[in-house]
Amino acid sequence: MGRSTVNEGTRRVARVPDDLAGMRIDRVLAQLFPEFSRARLQQWLRDGQVRLDRLPPRSAREKVRGGEEVELSAVIEPDERWRPEAMPLDVVYEDESLIVINKPAGMVVHPAAGNRDGTLLNALLHHDPTLAAVPRAGIVHRLDKDTSGLLVVARTLSAQHILAAQIQARTISRVYQAVVVGVMTGGGEVDAPIGRHPTLRTRMAIVARGRRAVSHYRVLERFRAHTHISVRLDTGRTHQIRVHMAHLRHPIVGDPVYGGRLRIPPACSPALNAALRGFRRQALHAWRLAVEHPIRGELMEWTADLPQDMHQLLMALREDAATATA
């Protein structure tokens, strides 16, 4: 990536929230401007294109107090590292400012080591080649590889900035559906900080020094040994729902990281036995998404039906419950 130069036309300003106090400025930038890659933000930081209360940070390691004004002013050059790929996309909605995608389970959102091709980003570049001029091809939030459901993508720099600001302000509404192990007695809230696991670096965990994470869950349907729930996020931490449900000792069915050993209910039907043994990804689906349109300002909302594998799992759970009470 070449060096950028200052361009007053791309000035962006954000305020450091209090919950980031004590964090390094390079990490704060990644939180305030999630539409840009860490590498690009670090380059702009080295180039002197970042101001902290109108002064350049002394180094990337400088820690913030909270409440400072962060100003970013830089040329945004097209990213030519990723190639377009012709892949099917389930486009729920699109206009001149945004695209809403219903992502299938198994699709990685952004290229990384081990997943350079076949990602949502590659597919988006084929769907709309002009997205090459937008950081991350317009992607402003992510879903785990094996989580299905709705994602919003910005088509322009201005739309991306506005959507990223909505995420930062927690005004984008995201509601998921999940199937969890165990019978929940009712809905509730989990307010437990999430950070990197202290010893298993590929996992997240509830840690005292983690970032605040809040999830609201509601029971949709109960079965003999499982519960169908909806979860609304106040925050968007990595693996948030998966970690919070495991914390409640109601892990998501099929979760290979946080789900623990497979649990088959006693005397369950053969169909449910097969469905549970065959469900090899977390039973989690981003069901409803609502954003304020970045240009028109109107509230827009979309829903995506449960994918076939989750639908079949619920059918097996219902049949098992009906057989047990017959």
Protein backbone atom coordinates (compact mmCIF):
# COMPACT_ATOMS: atom_id res chain seq x y z
CA MET A 1 0.00 0.00 0.00
CA GLY A 2 1.42 3.38 -0.98
CA ARG A 3 1.77 6.31 1.30
CA SER A 4 -1.25 8.59 1.59
CA THR A 5 -1.27 12.36 1.53
CA VAL A 6 -3.49 14.78 3.39
CA ASN A 7 -6.74 15.63 1.69
CA GLU A 8 -9.00 18.08 3.49
CA GLY A 9 -11.99 16.66 1.64
CA THR A 10 -11.83 13.38 3.60
CA ARG A 11 -11.74 14.79 7.12
CA ARG A 12 -13.48 12.70 9.76
CA VAL A 13 -13.88 13.49 13.45
CA ALA A 14 -14.89 11.27 16.36
CA ARG A 15 -14.91 11.55 20.15
CA VAL A 16 -13.12 8.89 22.25
CA PRO A 17 -15.75 7.22 24.46
CA ASP A 18 -14.97 6.84 28.16
CA ASP A 19 -14.92 3.05 27.97
CA LEU A 20 -11.80 3.23 25.78
CA ALA A 21 -9.84 5.23 28.37
CA GLY A 22 -6.34 3.79 28.85
CA MET A 23 -6.26 2.14 25.43
CA ARG A 24 -3.51 2.81 22.89
CA ILE A 25 -4.36 5.29 20.14
CA ASP A 26 -3.73 2.76 17.34
CA ARG A 27 -6.31 0.43 18.89
CA VAL A 28 -8.71 3.30 19.52
CA LEU A 29 -8.57 4.21 15.82
CA ALA A 30 -9.68 0.68 14.92
CA GLN A 31 -12.69 1.08 17.22
CA LEU A 32 -13.65 4.58 16.04
CA PHE A 33 -13.16 3.92 12.32
CA PRO A 34 -13.98 0.21 11.84
CA GLU A 35 -14.54 0.70 8.11
CA PHE A 36 -10.75 0.97 7.63
CA SER A 37 -8.23 -1.82 8.04
CA ARG A 38 -5.79 -1.69 10.95
CA ALA A 39 -2.88 -1.59 8.52
CA ARG A 40 -4.30 1.45 6.73
CA LEU A 41 -5.00 3.28 9.99
CA GLN A 42 -1.50 2.57 11.26
CA GLN A 43 -0.03 3.92 8.02
CA TRP A 44 -2.04 7.13 8.33
CA LEU A 45 -0.92 7.39 11.96
CA ARG A 46 2.72 7.11 10.87
CA ASP A 47 2.11 9.65 8.08
CA GLY A 48 0.89 12.24 10.59
CA GLN A 49 -2.68 12.22 9.28
CA VAL A 50 -4.22 11.63 12.70
CA ARG A 51 -4.76 14.35 15.32
CA LEU A 52 -5.61 13.82 18.99
CA ASP A 53 -7.11 17.05 20.36
CA ARG A 54 -5.49 18.81 17.35
CA LEU A 55 -2.00 17.42 18.06
CA PRO A 56 -0.28 14.44 16.42
CA PRO A 57 0.05 11.48 18.84
CA ARG A 58 3.62 10.99 20.06
CA SER A 59 3.48 7.34 18.97
CA ALA A 60 1.04 4.53 18.21
CA ARG A 61 1.41 3.46 21.85
CA GLU A 62 0.16 6.75 23.29
CA LYS A 63 -2.79 6.07 25.59
CA VAL A 64 -6.01 8.05 25.54
CA ARG A 65 -7.80 9.47 28.59
CA GLY A 66 -11.31 9.38 27.13
CA GLY A 67 -13.24 12.34 25.77
CA GLU A 68 -10.54 13.51 23.32
CA GLU A 69 -11.38 14.56 19.77
CA VAL A 70 -9.78 12.34 17.11
CA GLU A 71 -9.41 13.79 13.63
CA LEU A 72 -8.52 11.71 10.59
CA SER A 73 -7.71 13.33 7.24
CA ALA A 74 -6.38 11.15 4.45
CA VAL A 75 -6.62 10.09 0.84
CA ILE A 76 -8.47 6.79 0.51
CA GLU A 77 -6.91 4.82 -2.31
CA PRO A 78 -8.56 1.81 -3.99
CA ASP A 79 -7.47 -1.49 -2.42
CA GLU A 80 -6.23 -3.77 -5.18
CA ARG A 81 -5.27 -6.73 -2.98
CA TRP A 82 -8.56 -8.58 -3.44
CA ARG A 83 -9.95 -9.93 -6.69
CA PRO A 84 -13.63 -10.06 -7.72
CA GLU A 85 -15.23 -13.51 -7.81
CA ALA A 86 -18.49 -14.52 -9.45
CA MET A 87 -20.40 -16.03 -6.53
CA PRO A 88 -24.13 -16.13 -5.78
CA LEU A 89 -25.31 -13.39 -3.44
CA ASP A 90 -28.71 -13.25 -1.74
CA VAL A 91 -29.36 -9.51 -2.11
CA VAL A 92 -32.28 -8.54 0.12
CA TYR A 93 -32.18 -4.82 -0.80
CA GLU A 94 -29.98 -2.37 -2.66
CA ASP A 95 -30.01 1.26 -3.75
CA GLU A 96 -27.41 3.90 -4.58
CA SER A 97 -26.13 4.02 -0.98
CA LEU A 98 -26.27 0.53 0.48
CA ILE A 99 -26.71 -3.19 -0.10
CA VAL A 100 -28.27 -5.63 2.36
CA ILE A 101 -27.06 -9.22 2.04
CA ASN A 102 -28.44 -12.43 3.55
CA LYS A 103 -25.15 -14.27 4.14
CA PRO A 104 -25.19 -18.08 4.12
CA ALA A 105 -23.48 -20.09 6.83
CA GLY A 106 -20.00 -21.14 5.76
CA MET A 107 -19.08 -17.91 3.97
CA VAL A 108 -16.22 -15.85 5.39
CA VAL A 109 -16.96 -12.11 5.33
CA HIS A 110 -13.47 -10.65 4.80
CA PRO A 111 -10.28 -12.20 3.36
CA ALA A 112 -7.59 -13.16 5.87
CA ALA A 113 -4.79 -15.68 6.21
CA GLY A 114 -6.19 -19.03 5.10
CA ASN A 115 -9.26 -17.42 3.46
CA ARG A 116 -7.96 -15.24 0.63
CA ASP A 117 -10.74 -16.17 -1.80
CA GLY A 118 -14.38 -17.17 -1.71
CA THR A 119 -15.36 -14.47 0.77
CA LEU A 120 -18.26 -12.05 0.83
CA LEU A 121 -15.83 -9.25 -0.03
CA ASN A 122 -14.73 -11.07 -3.21
CA ALA A 123 -18.36 -11.59 -4.20
CA LEU A 124 -19.23 -7.94 -3.54
CA LEU A 125 -16.41 -6.72 -5.79
CA HIS A 126 -17.88 -8.79 -8.63
CA HIS A 127 -21.43 -7.64 -7.88
CA ASP A 128 -20.37 -3.96 -7.89
CA PRO A 129 -16.81 -3.19 -9.12
CA THR A 130 -17.06 0.42 -7.84
CA LEU A 131 -16.81 -0.99 -4.30
CA ALA A 132 -13.05 -1.33 -4.92
CA ALA A 133 -12.84 2.39 -4.07
CA VAL A 134 -14.56 1.91 -0.69
CA PRO A 135 -12.56 0.50 2.26
CA ARG A 136 -13.32 -3.20 2.88
CA ALA A 137 -15.61 -3.07 -0.18
CA GLY A 138 -18.18 -1.24 1.97
CA ILE A 139 -18.36 -3.83 4.75
CA VAL A 140 -19.07 -2.08 8.06
CA HIS A 141 -19.83 -5.05 10.34
CA ARG A 142 -19.30 -8.79 10.21
CA LEU A 143 -20.83 -12.14 11.00
CA ASP A 144 -18.83 -15.21 11.97
CA LYS A 145 -18.18 -17.65 9.13
CA ASP A 146 -20.79 -20.13 10.37
CA THR A 147 -23.40 -17.57 11.41
CA SER A 148 -26.00 -16.83 8.74
CA GLY A 149 -28.11 -13.76 8.17
CA LEU A 150 -28.25 -10.05 7.42
CA LEU A 151 -25.35 -7.67 6.77
CA VAL A 152 -25.44 -4.09 5.51
CA VAL A 153 -22.80 -2.89 3.04
CA ALA A 154 -22.12 0.76 2.15
CA ARG A 155 -21.73 1.68 -1.54
CA THR A 156 -20.05 5.04 -1.00
CA LEU A 157 -17.49 6.54 1.35
CA SER A 158 -20.03 8.91 2.87
CA ALA A 159 -22.56 6.11 3.43
CA GLN A 160 -19.88 3.96 5.02
CA HIS A 161 -18.88 6.73 7.38
CA ILE A 162 -22.48 7.33 8.43
CA LEU A 163 -23.23 3.62 8.94
CA ALA A 164 -20.02 3.14 10.91
CA ALA A 165 -21.04 6.09 13.11
CA GLN A 166 -24.42 4.43 13.70
CA ILE A 167 -22.66 1.26 14.82
CA GLN A 168 -20.42 3.28 17.13
CA ALA A 169 -23.47 5.06 18.56
CA ARG A 170 -25.29 1.70 18.90
CA THR A 171 -28.29 2.90 16.91
CA ILE A 172 -28.23 0.05 14.39
CA SER A 173 -30.65 -2.64 15.59
CA ARG A 174 -29.53 -6.26 15.21
CA VAL A 175 -31.72 -9.15 16.37
CA TYR A 176 -30.67 -12.79 16.07
CA GLN A 177 -32.39 -16.13 16.48
CA ALA A 178 -30.64 -19.06 18.10
CA VAL A 179 -31.27 -22.54 19.46
CA VAL A 180 -29.57 -23.15 22.80
CA VAL A 181 -29.00 -26.16 25.02
CA GLY A 182 -31.23 -26.41 28.09
CA VAL A 183 -34.66 -25.04 28.97
CA MET A 184 -34.64 -21.32 29.77
CA THR A 185 -37.23 -20.18 32.29
CA GLY A 186 -37.56 -16.72 30.76
CA GLY A 187 -35.86 -13.85 29.01
CA GLY A 188 -33.29 -11.52 30.47
CA GLU A 189 -30.16 -9.48 29.95
CA VAL A 190 -26.47 -10.35 30.02
CA ASP A 191 -24.17 -7.45 30.87
CA ALA A 192 -20.72 -9.06 31.03
CA PRO A 193 -17.45 -7.71 29.56
CA ILE A 194 -15.83 -9.65 26.74
CA GLY A 195 -12.15 -9.79 25.85
CA ARG A 196 -9.53 -12.14 24.47
CA HIS A 197 -9.27 -15.42 26.40
CA PRO A 198 -6.22 -15.20 28.70
CA THR A 199 -4.66 -18.45 27.45
CA LEU A 200 -6.58 -19.55 24.34
CA ARG A 201 -5.93 -16.63 22.00
CA THR A 202 -8.36 -17.79 19.29
CA ARG A 203 -11.26 -17.58 21.76
CA MET A 204 -13.10 -14.78 23.53
CA ALA A 205 -14.19 -14.92 27.15
CA ILE A 206 -15.85 -13.03 29.98
CA VAL A 207 -12.92 -11.11 31.46
CA ALA A 208 -12.89 -8.34 34.05
CA ARG A 209 -10.82 -6.02 31.84
CA GLY A 210 -12.79 -6.76 28.69
CA ARG A 211 -15.03 -4.32 26.85
CA ARG A 212 -18.61 -3.93 27.99
CA ALA A 213 -20.98 -6.26 26.18
CA VAL A 214 -24.78 -6.28 26.58
CA SER A 215 -27.22 -8.82 25.12
CA HIS A 216 -30.98 -9.01 25.65
CA TYR A 217 -32.59 -12.42 25.10
CA ARG A 218 -36.21 -13.54 24.86
CA VAL A 219 -37.72 -17.02 24.78
CA LEU A 220 -39.55 -17.84 21.56
CA GLU A 221 -40.24 -21.55 22.11
CA ARG A 222 -39.32 -24.20 24.70
CA PHE A 223 -38.66 -27.87 24.06
CA ARG A 224 -37.77 -30.81 26.31
CA ALA A 225 -34.08 -29.94 26.57
CA HIS A 226 -33.58 -26.92 24.31
CA THR A 227 -34.88 -23.37 23.84
CA HIS A 228 -35.46 -21.26 20.73
CA ILE A 229 -34.57 -17.64 21.57
CA SER A 230 -34.12 -14.21 20.03
CA VAL A 231 -31.19 -12.02 21.06
CA ARG A 232 -30.91 -8.26 20.61
CA LEU A 233 -27.47 -6.71 20.79
CA ASP A 234 -26.65 -3.40 22.43
CA THR A 235 -22.98 -3.90 21.58
CA GLY A 236 -21.18 -5.89 18.89
CA ARG A 237 -18.21 -7.67 20.44
CA THR A 238 -16.54 -10.60 18.71
CA HIS A 239 -18.50 -13.84 19.38
CA GLN A 240 -20.73 -11.88 21.78
CA ILE A 241 -23.89 -14.00 21.67
CA ARG A 242 -21.93 -17.26 21.65
CA VAL A 243 -19.88 -16.21 24.71
CA HIS A 244 -22.85 -14.79 26.62
CA MET A 245 -25.03 -17.85 26.09
CA ALA A 246 -22.21 -20.17 27.15
CA HIS A 247 -21.75 -17.93 30.21
CA LEU A 248 -25.41 -18.59 31.10
CA ARG A 249 -24.73 -22.32 30.69
CA HIS A 250 -27.05 -22.38 27.71
CA PRO A 251 -24.53 -22.68 24.85
CA ILE A 252 -25.72 -22.48 21.27
CA VAL A 253 -26.41 -25.82 19.65
CA GLY A 254 -23.57 -26.92 17.36
CA ASP A 255 -21.10 -24.25 18.52
CA PRO A 256 -17.70 -25.87 17.92
CA VAL A 257 -15.84 -23.42 20.18
CA TYR A 258 -18.11 -22.58 23.11
CA GLY A 259 -20.70 -25.37 22.96
CA GLY A 260 -18.93 -28.08 24.93
CA ARG A 261 -19.65 -31.73 24.37
CA LEU A 262 -22.68 -32.84 22.36
CA ARG A 263 -25.72 -33.34 24.61
CA ILE A 264 -28.47 -35.67 23.41
CA PRO A 265 -31.69 -35.63 25.50
CA PRO A 266 -32.63 -38.99 27.04
CA ALA A 267 -35.13 -41.02 25.03
CA CYS A 268 -35.17 -38.45 22.23
CA SER A 269 -36.63 -39.31 18.86
CA PRO A 270 -34.34 -40.78 16.16
CA ALA A 271 -35.00 -37.70 14.02
CA LEU A 272 -33.83 -35.32 16.75
CA ASN A 273 -30.83 -37.52 17.53
CA ALA A 274 -29.77 -37.32 13.88
CA ALA A 275 -30.50 -33.58 13.67
CA LEU A 276 -28.36 -32.76 16.72
CA ARG A 277 -25.48 -35.01 15.66
CA GLY A 278 -25.57 -33.58 12.14
CA PHE A 279 -25.69 -29.89 13.14
CA ARG A 280 -22.03 -28.87 12.74
CA ARG A 281 -22.22 -25.07 13.08
CA GLN A 282 -23.62 -22.70 15.71
CA ALA A 283 -27.40 -22.48 15.35
CA LEU A 284 -27.30 -18.68 15.10
CA HIS A 285 -28.95 -16.48 12.48
CA ALA A 286 -28.96 -12.67 12.10
CA TRP A 287 -32.70 -12.41 11.63
CA ARG A 288 -33.59 -8.73 11.74
CA LEU A 289 -31.60 -5.59 10.85
CA ALA A 290 -32.69 -1.96 11.12
CA VAL A 291 -30.63 1.10 10.13
CA GLU A 292 -31.25 4.76 9.45
CA HIS A 293 -30.75 5.30 5.74
CA PRO A 294 -27.46 7.22 5.32
CA ILE A 295 -28.91 9.66 2.77
CA ARG A 296 -32.67 9.82 3.27
CA GLY A 297 -32.57 9.49 7.06
CA GLU A 298 -35.58 7.17 7.21
CA LEU A 299 -35.55 4.04 9.39
CA MET A 300 -35.32 0.92 7.24
CA GLU A 301 -35.80 -2.64 8.48
CA TRP A 302 -35.32 -6.08 6.94
CA THR A 303 -35.81 -9.67 8.07
CA ALA A 304 -34.40 -12.93 6.72
CA ASP A 305 -36.15 -16.27 7.20
CA LEU A 306 -34.29 -18.95 9.09
CA PRO A 307 -32.04 -21.06 6.84
CA GLN A 308 -33.09 -24.60 6.02
CA ASP A 309 -30.78 -26.31 8.53
CA MET A 310 -32.15 -24.31 11.49
CA HIS A 311 -35.71 -24.77 10.24
CA GLN A 312 -35.22 -28.55 10.11
CA LEU A 313 -33.63 -28.57 13.58
CA LEU A 314 -36.66 -26.76 15.02
CA MET A 315 -39.02 -29.15 13.26
CA ALA A 316 -37.19 -32.11 14.83
CA LEU A 317 -37.35 -30.46 18.26
CA ARG A 318 -41.09 -29.83 17.91
CA GLU A 319 -41.78 -33.40 16.77
CA ASP A 320 -39.73 -34.78 19.65
CA ALA A 321 -41.62 -32.63 22.15
CA ALA A 322 -44.98 -33.66 20.68
CA THR A 323 -44.06 -37.38 20.84
CA ALA A 324 -42.96 -37.08 24.47
CA THR A 325 -46.30 -35.53 25.54
CA ALA A 326 -48.51 -37.83 23.43
